[in-house]
C-alpha atoms as a PDB file:
ATOM      1  CA  ILE A   1     -35.885 -59.041 -26.790  1.00  0.00           C
ATOM      2  CA  GLY A   2     -34.894 -56.808 -23.342  1.00  0.00           C
ATOM      3  CA  TYR A   3     -32.576 -57.050 -20.939  1.00  0.00           C
ATOM      4  CA  ILE A   4     -32.736 -56.631 -17.122  1.00  0.00           C
ATOM      5  CA  THR A   5     -29.887 -56.575 -15.015  1.00  0.00           C
ATOM      6  CA  GLY A   6     -28.451 -59.279 -17.097  1.00  0.00           C
ATOM      7  CA  LEU A   7     -31.177 -61.256 -17.385  1.00  0.00           C
ATOM      8  CA  PRO A   8     -32.975 -61.925 -21.194  1.00  0.00           C
ATOM      9  CA  LEU A   9     -36.918 -60.729 -21.065  1.00  0.00           C
ATOM     10  CA  THR A  10     -39.033 -61.668 -23.349  1.00  0.00           C
ATOM     11  CA  LEU A  11     -41.510 -58.711 -24.152  1.00  0.00           C
ATOM     12  CA  THR A  12     -45.089 -59.589 -25.009  1.00  0.00           C
ATOM     13  CA  VAL A  13     -46.817 -56.301 -26.078  1.00  0.00           C
ATOM     14  CA  LEU A  14     -50.494 -55.931 -26.184  1.00  0.00           C
ATOM     15  CA  LEU A  15     -52.065 -53.247 -28.084  1.00  0.00           C
ATOM     16  CA  SER A  16     -55.487 -51.127 -28.300  1.00  0.00           C
ATOM     17  CA  MET A  17     -57.193 -48.121 -29.011  1.00  0.00           C
ATOM     18  CA  LYS A  18     -59.602 -45.988 -27.677  1.00  0.00           C
ATOM     19  CA  LYS A  19     -60.829 -42.931 -29.048  1.00  0.00           C
ATOM     20  CA  LEU A  20     -61.481 -40.081 -26.619  1.00  0.00           C
ATOM     21  CA  SER A  21     -63.091 -36.612 -27.260  1.00  0.00           C
ATOM     22  CA  ASN A  22     -62.266 -33.648 -26.107  1.00  0.00           C
ATOM     23  CA  THR A  23     -62.495 -29.188 -27.128  1.00  0.00           C
ATOM     24  CA  ARG A  24     -59.680 -30.384 -29.610  1.00  0.00           C
ATOM     25  CA  GLY A  25     -61.091 -33.444 -31.301  1.00  0.00           C
ATOM     26  CA  ILE A  26     -60.813 -37.034 -31.364  1.00  0.00           C
ATOM     27  CA  ILE A  27     -57.699 -38.081 -29.371  1.00  0.00           C
ATOM     28  CA  THR A  28     -56.535 -41.758 -30.427  1.00  0.00           C
ATOM     29  CA  LEU A  29     -54.819 -43.133 -27.191  1.00  0.00           C
ATOM     30  CA  LEU A  30     -52.298 -46.301 -27.393  1.00  0.00           C
ATOM     31  CA  PHE A  31     -52.046 -48.417 -24.915  1.00  0.00           C
ATOM     32  CA  LEU A  32     -49.137 -50.710 -24.279  1.00  0.00           C
ATOM     33  CA  THR A  33     -49.465 -53.834 -21.523  1.00  0.00           C
ATOM     34  CA  ILE A  34     -45.578 -54.976 -21.045  1.00  0.00           C
ATOM     35  CA  THR A  35     -45.512 -58.852 -19.654  1.00  0.00           C
ATOM     36  CA  GLU A  36     -42.022 -60.432 -18.834  1.00  0.00           C
ATOM     37  CA  LYS A  37     -41.008 -63.812 -19.195  1.00  0.00           C
ATOM     38  CA  GLU A  38     -37.689 -64.889 -18.389  1.00  0.00           C
ATOM     39  CA  THR A  39     -36.314 -67.425 -20.620  1.00  0.00           C
ATOM     40  CA  MET A  40     -33.371 -70.250 -20.295  1.00  0.00           C
ATOM     41  CA  ASN A  41     -30.488 -70.110 -21.087  1.00  0.00           C
ATOM     42  CA  ILE A  42     -28.256 -72.431 -23.279  1.00  0.00           C
ATOM     43  CA  LYS A  43     -25.753 -72.976 -20.753  1.00  0.00           C
ATOM     44  CA  GLN A  44     -28.655 -74.956 -18.365  1.00  0.00           C
ATOM     45  CA  PHE A  45     -27.490 -77.754 -20.698  1.00  0.00           C
ATOM     46  CA  LEU A  46     -23.821 -78.261 -19.769  1.00  0.00           C
ATOM     47  CA  GLY A  47     -22.493 -80.882 -17.542  1.00  0.00           C
ATOM     48  CA  GLY A  48     -22.504 -84.552 -17.805  1.00  0.00           C
ATOM     49  CA  HIS A  49     -19.685 -87.114 -18.087  1.00  0.00           C
ATOM     50  CA  PRO A  50     -17.531 -88.021 -19.927  1.00  0.00           C
ATOM     51  CA  SER A  51     -16.727 -84.927 -21.722  1.00  0.00           C
ATOM     52  CA  GLN A  52     -14.363 -82.492 -20.076  1.00  0.00           C
ATOM     53  CA  ASN A  53     -16.037 -79.274 -19.978  1.00  0.00           C
ATOM     54  CA  GLY A  54     -19.964 -80.193 -19.369  1.00  0.00           C
ATOM     55  CA  GLU A  55     -20.273 -80.793 -23.640  1.00  0.00           C
ATOM     56  CA  THR A  56     -21.728 -84.170 -23.027  1.00  0.00           C
ATOM     57  CA  ASN A  57     -25.519 -82.933 -21.755  1.00  0.00           C
ATOM     58  CA  LEU A  58     -25.615 -79.811 -23.977  1.00  0.00           C
ATOM     59  CA  ILE A  59     -24.386 -82.068 -27.190  1.00  0.00           C
ATOM     60  CA  THR A  60     -27.469 -84.129 -26.301  1.00  0.00           C
ATOM     61  CA  GLU A  61     -30.152 -81.680 -26.371  1.00  0.00           C
ATOM     62  CA  CYS A  62     -28.867 -80.062 -29.793  1.00  0.00           C
ATOM     63  CA  ILE A  63     -29.197 -83.561 -31.034  1.00  0.00           C
ATOM     64  CA  LYS A  64     -32.824 -83.205 -29.311  1.00  0.00           C
ATOM     65  CA  ARG A  65     -33.420 -80.288 -31.286  1.00  0.00           C
ATOM     66  CA  ILE A  66     -32.026 -80.963 -34.680  1.00  0.00           C
ATOM     67  CA  LYS A  67     -32.475 -84.272 -34.446  1.00  0.00           C
ATOM     68  CA  PRO A  68     -30.288 -85.663 -37.163  1.00  0.00           C
ATOM     69  CA  LYS A  69     -31.123 -88.302 -39.968  1.00  0.00           C
ATOM     70  CA  LEU A  70     -27.072 -89.536 -39.782  1.00  0.00           C
ATOM     71  CA  LYS A  71     -26.366 -91.324 -36.709  1.00  0.00           C
ATOM     72  CA  VAL A  72     -22.627 -91.058 -36.977  1.00  0.00           C
ATOM     73  CA  ALA A  73     -20.364 -89.024 -35.001  1.00  0.00           C
ATOM     74  CA  VAL A  74     -16.344 -88.734 -35.738  1.00  0.00           C
ATOM     75  CA  GLU A  75     -14.010 -87.703 -33.230  1.00  0.00           C
ATOM     76  CA  PHE A  76     -10.081 -87.145 -33.552  1.00  0.00           C
ATOM     77  CA  GLY A  77      -7.257 -86.270 -31.410  1.00  0.00           C
ATOM     78  CA  ALA A  78      -7.591 -88.395 -28.506  1.00  0.00           C
ATOM     79  CA  PRO A  79      -5.595 -92.075 -27.654  1.00  0.00           C
ATOM     80  CA  THR A  80      -8.974 -93.087 -26.345  1.00  0.00           C
ATOM     81  CA  LYS A  81     -12.592 -93.336 -26.364  1.00  0.00           C
ATOM     82  CA  GLU A  82     -14.043 -92.379 -23.126  1.00  0.00           C
ATOM     83  CA  TRP A  83     -11.774 -90.019 -21.687  1.00  0.00           C
ATOM     84  CA  CYS A  84     -12.648 -86.444 -22.436  1.00  0.00           C
ATOM     85  CA  SER A  85     -14.753 -87.679 -25.135  1.00  0.00           C
ATOM     86  CA  ASN A  86     -17.429 -85.553 -26.736  1.00  0.00           C
ATOM     87  CA  ILE A  87     -19.432 -88.276 -28.629  1.00  0.00           C
ATOM     88  CA  TYR A  88     -18.639 -91.443 -26.362  1.00  0.00           C
ATOM     89  CA  HIS A  89     -22.330 -91.109 -24.786  1.00  0.00           C
ATOM     90  CA  LEU A  90     -23.550 -91.166 -27.997  1.00  0.00           C
ATOM     91  CA  ALA A  91     -22.937 -95.240 -28.715  1.00  0.00           C
ATOM     92  CA  SER A  92     -25.372 -95.725 -25.716  1.00  0.00           C
ATOM     93  CA  GLU A  93     -28.299 -93.968 -27.742  1.00  0.00           C
ATOM     94  CA  GLY A  94     -27.525 -96.051 -31.037  1.00  0.00           C
ATOM     95  CA  TRP A  95     -25.182 -93.721 -32.702  1.00  0.00           C
ATOM     96  CA  ASP A  96     -22.177 -95.421 -34.788  1.00  0.00           C
ATOM     97  CA  CYS A  97     -18.513 -94.021 -33.311  1.00  0.00           C
ATOM     98  CA  LYS A  98     -16.105 -93.315 -34.888  1.00  0.00           C
ATOM     99  CA  TYR A  99     -12.340 -92.473 -33.659  1.00  0.00           C
ATOM    100  CA  PHE A 100      -8.916 -91.814 -35.241  1.00  0.00           C
ATOM    101  CA  ASP A 101      -5.794 -90.950 -33.291  1.00  0.00           C
ATOM    102  CA  ILE A 102      -2.130 -90.995 -34.109  1.00  0.00           C
ATOM    103  CA  ASP A 103      -1.285 -93.113 -31.366  1.00  0.00           C
ATOM    104  CA  PRO A 104      -4.408 -94.968 -29.772  1.00  0.00           C
ATOM    105  CA  LYS A 105      -4.213 -96.983 -26.821  1.00  0.00           C
ATOM    106  CA  GLU A 106      -6.819 -99.006 -27.254  1.00  0.00           C
ATOM    107  CA  GLY A 107      -8.922-100.690 -29.475  1.00  0.00           C
ATOM    108  CA  ASP A 108     -11.352 -99.668 -32.187  1.00  0.00           C
ATOM    109  CA  ILE A 109      -9.783 -96.698 -32.384  1.00  0.00           C
ATOM    110  CA  VAL A 110      -8.379 -95.942 -36.083  1.00  0.00           C
ATOM    111  CA  LYS A 111      -4.449 -95.508 -36.107  1.00  0.00           C
ATOM    112  CA  MET A 112      -4.308 -92.519 -38.096  1.00  0.00           C
ATOM    113  CA  GLU A 113      -3.243 -88.455 -38.332  1.00  0.00           C
ATOM    114  CA  ILE A 114      -5.439 -86.340 -39.433  1.00  0.00           C
ATOM    115  CA  THR A 115      -4.085 -83.397 -41.494  1.00  0.00           C
ATOM    116  CA  THR A 116      -5.142 -81.102 -43.756  1.00  0.00           C
ATOM    117  CA  ASP A 117      -4.305 -83.418 -46.795  1.00  0.00           C
ATOM    118  CA  ASN A 118      -6.289 -86.357 -45.672  1.00  0.00           C
ATOM    119  CA  VAL A 119      -9.411 -84.971 -43.423  1.00  0.00           C
ATOM    120  CA  ASN A 120     -12.033 -85.310 -45.846  1.00  0.00           C
ATOM    121  CA  SER A 121     -11.202 -89.229 -46.312  1.00  0.00           C
ATOM    122  CA  LEU A 122     -13.353 -88.964 -42.990  1.00  0.00           C
ATOM    123  CA  PRO A 123     -16.602 -91.050 -42.761  1.00  0.00           C
ATOM    124  CA  THR A 124     -19.349 -88.765 -43.453  1.00  0.00           C
ATOM    125  CA  CYS A 125     -20.803 -87.335 -39.945  1.00  0.00           C
ATOM    126  CA  SER A 126     -24.054 -85.343 -38.210  1.00  0.00           C
ATOM    127  CA  VAL A 127     -21.107 -84.438 -34.963  1.00  0.00           C
ATOM    128  CA  TRP A 128     -18.018 -83.847 -35.827  1.00  0.00           C
ATOM    129  CA  SER A 129     -15.313 -83.684 -33.077  1.00  0.00           C
ATOM    130  CA  CYS A 130     -11.961 -81.812 -33.575  1.00  0.00           C
ATOM    131  CA  ASP A 131      -9.175 -81.983 -31.055  1.00  0.00           C
ATOM    132  CA  THR A 132      -5.929 -81.837 -32.695  1.00  0.00           C
ATOM    133  CA  ASP A 133      -4.014 -78.712 -30.808  1.00  0.00           C
ATOM    134  CA  GLY A 134      -2.406 -76.522 -32.873  1.00  0.00           C
ATOM    135  CA  LEU A 135      -3.885 -77.702 -36.066  1.00  0.00           C
ATOM    136  CA  CYS A 136      -7.532 -77.854 -35.713  1.00  0.00           C
ATOM    137  CA  TYR A 137      -7.889 -74.444 -37.452  1.00  0.00           C
ATOM    138  CA  SER A 138      -6.315 -75.138 -40.537  1.00  0.00           C
ATOM    139  CA  ILE A 139      -8.022 -79.068 -40.455  1.00  0.00           C
ATOM    140  CA  TRP A 140     -11.564 -77.489 -40.352  1.00  0.00           C
ATOM    141  CA  LYS A 141     -10.547 -75.077 -43.199  1.00  0.00           C
ATOM    142  CA  ALA A 142      -9.373 -77.847 -45.380  1.00  0.00           C
ATOM    143  CA  TYR A 143     -12.874 -79.770 -44.588  1.00  0.00           C
ATOM    144  CA  ASN A 144     -15.082 -79.957 -46.943  1.00  0.00           C
ATOM    145  CA  GLY A 145     -17.922 -81.608 -44.778  1.00  0.00           C
ATOM    146  CA  LYS A 146     -21.162 -79.959 -43.319  1.00  0.00           C
ATOM    147  CA  PRO A 147     -21.749 -82.181 -39.951  1.00  0.00           C
ATOM    148  CA  ASP A 148     -24.704 -80.706 -38.381  1.00  0.00           C
ATOM    149  CA  ILE A 149     -22.310 -80.003 -34.815  1.00  0.00           C
ATOM    150  CA  VAL A 150     -18.850 -78.735 -34.872  1.00  0.00           C
ATOM    151  CA  ILE A 151     -17.025 -79.229 -31.648  1.00  0.00           C
ATOM    152  CA  ILE A 152     -13.100 -77.768 -31.756  1.00  0.00           C
ATOM    153  CA  GLU A 153     -10.992 -77.015 -29.823  1.00  0.00           C
ATOM    154  CA  ILE A 154      -9.776 -73.172 -29.625  1.00  0.00           C
ATOM    155  CA  ASN A 155      -6.740 -71.658 -27.219  1.00  0.00           C
ATOM    156  CA  SER A 156      -8.738 -69.964 -24.902  1.00  0.00           C
ATOM    157  CA  SER A 157      -5.274 -68.246 -23.389  1.00  0.00           C
ATOM    158  CA  LEU A 158      -4.931 -66.121 -26.497  1.00  0.00           C
ATOM    159  CA  ASP A 159      -6.760 -62.200 -27.000  1.00  0.00           C
ATOM    160  CA  PRO A 160     -10.483 -63.615 -27.984  1.00  0.00           C
ATOM    161  CA  ASN A 161     -10.452 -60.255 -29.949  1.00  0.00           C
ATOM    162  CA  GLU A 162      -7.359 -60.245 -32.180  1.00  0.00           C
ATOM    163  CA  ASP A 163      -7.413 -63.330 -34.829  1.00  0.00           C
ATOM    164  CA  TYR A 164      -4.282 -64.722 -34.523  1.00  0.00           C
ATOM    165  CA  PHE A 165      -3.337 -68.425 -35.518  1.00  0.00           C
ATOM    166  CA  THR A 166       0.091 -70.604 -35.652  1.00  0.00           C
ATOM    167  CA  ILE A 167       0.757 -74.633 -35.640  1.00  0.00           C
ATOM    168  CA  ASP A 168       2.509 -74.074 -32.420  1.00  0.00           C
ATOM    169  CA  GLU A 169      -0.250 -72.215 -30.376  1.00  0.00           C
ATOM    170  CA  GLY A 170      -3.229 -72.952 -32.674  1.00  0.00           C
ATOM    171  CA  CYS A 171      -6.311 -70.505 -33.260  1.00  0.00           C
ATOM    172  CA  ASN A 172      -7.947 -68.077 -31.046  1.00  0.00           C
ATOM    173  CA  PHE A 173     -11.512 -67.104 -31.134  1.00  0.00           C
ATOM    174  CA  SER A 174     -12.290 -64.864 -33.071  1.00  0.00           C
ATOM    175  CA  LEU A 175     -10.713 -66.155 -36.048  1.00  0.00           C
ATOM    176  CA  MET A 176     -12.259 -69.676 -35.554  1.00  0.00           C
ATOM    177  CA  ASN A 177     -15.760 -67.736 -35.470  1.00  0.00           C
ATOM    178  CA  LYS A 178     -14.820 -66.087 -38.897  1.00  0.00           C
ATOM    179  CA  LEU A 179     -13.938 -69.372 -40.258  1.00  0.00           C
ATOM    180  CA  ALA A 180     -17.029 -70.774 -38.820  1.00  0.00           C
ATOM    181  CA  LYS A 181     -18.843 -68.414 -40.186  1.00  0.00           C
ATOM    182  CA  SER A 182     -17.548 -68.191 -43.548  1.00  0.00           C
ATOM    183  CA  LYS A 183     -18.777 -72.303 -43.724  1.00  0.00           C
ATOM    184  CA  GLY A 184     -22.331 -71.799 -43.017  1.00  0.00           C
ATOM    185  CA  TYR A 185     -22.423 -72.293 -38.889  1.00  0.00           C
ATOM    186  CA  GLU A 186     -23.350 -70.231 -35.902  1.00  0.00           C
ATOM    187  CA  LEU A 187     -21.595 -70.590 -32.602  1.00  0.00           C
ATOM    188  CA  LEU A 188     -23.276 -71.642 -29.623  1.00  0.00           C
ATOM    189  CA  ILE A 189     -21.522 -71.975 -26.725  1.00  0.00           C
ATOM    190  CA  HIS A 190     -18.075 -71.262 -26.040  1.00  0.00           C
ATOM    191  CA  THR A 191     -16.793 -73.761 -23.133  1.00  0.00           C
ATOM    192  CA  GLY A 192     -12.800 -74.065 -24.016  1.00  0.00           C
ATOM    193  CA  ASN A 193     -14.022 -75.987 -26.934  1.00  0.00           C
ATOM    194  CA  CYS A 194     -16.443 -74.067 -29.122  1.00  0.00           C
ATOM    195  CA  ILE A 195     -19.436 -75.779 -30.096  1.00  0.00           C
ATOM    196  CA  TYR A 196     -20.960 -74.617 -33.384  1.00  0.00           C
ATOM    197  CA  ILE A 197     -24.398 -75.474 -35.354  1.00  0.00           C
ATOM    198  CA  GLN A 198     -25.296 -75.083 -39.108  1.00  0.00           C
ATOM    199  CA  LYS A 199     -26.622 -71.896 -39.614  1.00  0.00           C
ATOM    200  CA  GLU A 200     -30.169 -73.250 -40.450  1.00  0.00           C
ATOM    201  CA  TYR A 201     -31.156 -74.567 -37.179  1.00  0.00           C
ATOM    202  CA  ALA A 202     -30.492 -71.433 -35.504  1.00  0.00           C
ATOM    203  CA  HIS A 203     -33.754 -70.766 -34.952  1.00  0.00           C
ATOM    204  CA  LEU A 204     -34.166 -74.159 -32.825  1.00  0.00           C
ATOM    205  CA  PHE A 205     -31.846 -72.322 -30.185  1.00  0.00           C
ATOM    206  CA  LYS A 206     -33.615 -69.273 -29.116  1.00  0.00           C
ATOM    207  CA  ASP A 207     -32.650 -69.666 -25.827  1.00  0.00           C
ATOM    208  CA  ALA A 208     -29.165 -68.223 -26.927  1.00  0.00           C
ATOM    209  CA  ASP A 209     -30.045 -65.801 -28.773  1.00  0.00           C
ATOM    210  CA  SER A 210     -27.459 -62.940 -27.555  1.00  0.00           C
ATOM    211  CA  LEU A 211     -24.265 -65.268 -28.147  1.00  0.00           C
ATOM    212  CA  ALA A 212     -22.269 -62.332 -27.447  1.00  0.00           C
ATOM    213  CA  CYS A 213     -24.209 -61.803 -24.071  1.00  0.00           C
ATOM    214  CA  PHE A 214     -24.404 -65.083 -22.815  1.00  0.00           C
ATOM    215  CA  LEU A 215     -21.482 -67.509 -23.973  1.00  0.00           C
ATOM    216  CA  GLN A 216     -19.259 -69.150 -20.956  1.00  0.00           C
ATOM    217  CA  PHE A 217     -16.249 -67.419 -21.835  1.00  0.00           C
ATOM    218  CA  ASN A 218     -13.416 -69.281 -20.039  1.00  0.00           C
ATOM    219  CA  PHE A 219     -10.041 -67.372 -20.948  1.00  0.00           C
ATOM    220  CA  ARG A 220      -7.474 -67.282 -18.678  1.00  0.00           C
END
């Protein structure tokens, strides 16, 4: 992969050999033909209602590529099902969406504060969305589940390069990435939330090859 003016280019190299005679013997020439093909960027899938930062359509694209066998999604940390939800749209696609919150404002949301002590009592799922402000890092660290897709909040106002976590301020970008790596996940994109996929699916997202170059950073 090469990069010209910030655009990812796929380089196709065609090799041909030709022998030429001259007074000093045989010269072998190597001819290179390079063609350029602009690749797509995963950010093009951002958008859609009702997620806060366009995660809706991206999650749909992730599911399309990964093809999870278990169509169960879990979300916790929001008092309503639809407002800024990362999984609400999946219900219309035949998914079983389960919601949890400490103070739910509508029906079908289980009244439950998710903590490091009870997070492993959550249903097994393929999509796991965590929005508990400062507790997201410690909750995921304690979680033993292996969903295909994890959407988790970080504090994007913190320095993204200096590991940092407190319960009051939450977790920064670099520390959450280290936790994700330790659990076998790859970062797909940062939107304010971080979206991770299991490492085994990374080959399905070649349009996000150079994550450091193409992430949508929203740091303030």
